[in-house]
Amino acid sequence: MDTIYILFSFAVSLTLLIASQKIFLSKNIVDKINDRSSHSSISTRSGGISIFLTLFIISCYFYINGYTIFNYSLIIPLSLLMVVGLYDDINGIDFKLKFIFQIIAAKIIIDNGLIIDNLHGFAGFFEINRVIAQLLTIFIILAIINAINFIDGIDGLAISITALFILSFEFFSISITPYINLSQIILSALIPLYYFNFRKKNKVFLGDSGSLFLGGIISVYVITILSNDYIIKPEFDLHKILFVFSILFFPVFDITRVVFFRLRRGRSPFYPDKNHIHHKILEIVKRHDLVVLIILTISVFFLFLIQVLSRLI
């Protein structure tokens, strides 16, 4: 892809964000304001479907013209995650049923050849058998999807963490990755959402359709990192599992912390509350953009701290 297609992705995303919001508003499909809400104006959860449709339309264009810009089979599990999230955004869905669909999507990803079958010496393990590899891969995919879903609680946070991860994924690779075109499409499509996400009125949220969809993409990238095909630049090389943790530090830490506290109180791990780290910071600084900036700064600092410590140990 070149610049013209990146601009095309941006334009398609912007058009779809405007159009989808109008449709949602005309159908009175708006985000209900409750005690957990961080907004007080009419908003829609139409961001996720807009980002997905941007990817789908561009993929169809290249497919029809005979170009393979990434593995199109990934559209199937990503579509499933987006649809389940969209249904949850509009009608609500029991977390158990949503969890089942996530497992199905994870199995489809595995059947496309993406599986964690080598731990690269972590805890003394290298290659692992097929059954354990599938179970571990499903667990990792579900953990990542829900970690991204969990941090989607304030304006701009989930899309910023996603953007940081994608940029890190491409930057630290020794060569151009097979997903460079997918990365460019997603990053370009996310940019217009910042405006709609942060504006005061008629806001557009990512929604579960977007957080599950983006979580699916990140999980695919994580599995790729842990494969033998992804090689980290020598100057940044460290154990791959530690590398993944360093660029997903915040969502991994947040979901671990929140699930622990909920279980300790005898609640479901999926019980909604305002005990996330971003909620705690928001209570202090009062501004969503500052919270996002603080968390991004901490994430980047931790990423490079791991790099420095790995050289000293």
Foldseek 3Di string as FASTA:
>chain_A
DDDVVLVVLLVQLLVLVVVQLVVCVVVVLWDDDDPLAPADATEHQRNLVSLLVSVVVVCVVCVVVPHDLAPCLLNVLLVLQLVLQVCCSRPNDDVVVNLVSLLVSQVSLVVVVQWQQAQPCVVHTGGDDDVVGSVVLSVLLSLLLVLLVVQQRAFPQSLLLLLLLLVCLQVFFPDGDSCNVVNSSSVSSCVSLNVLRQDRYHHHGNTSSRSNSSSNVSSSSLSVLSDPVTDTDPLQDDRSVVLSCLSCVQSNVQLVVQQVVQVVVVHHSPDDDQPTPLSVVCVPPVDRVVSSVVVVVVSVVSNVVSSVVRVVD
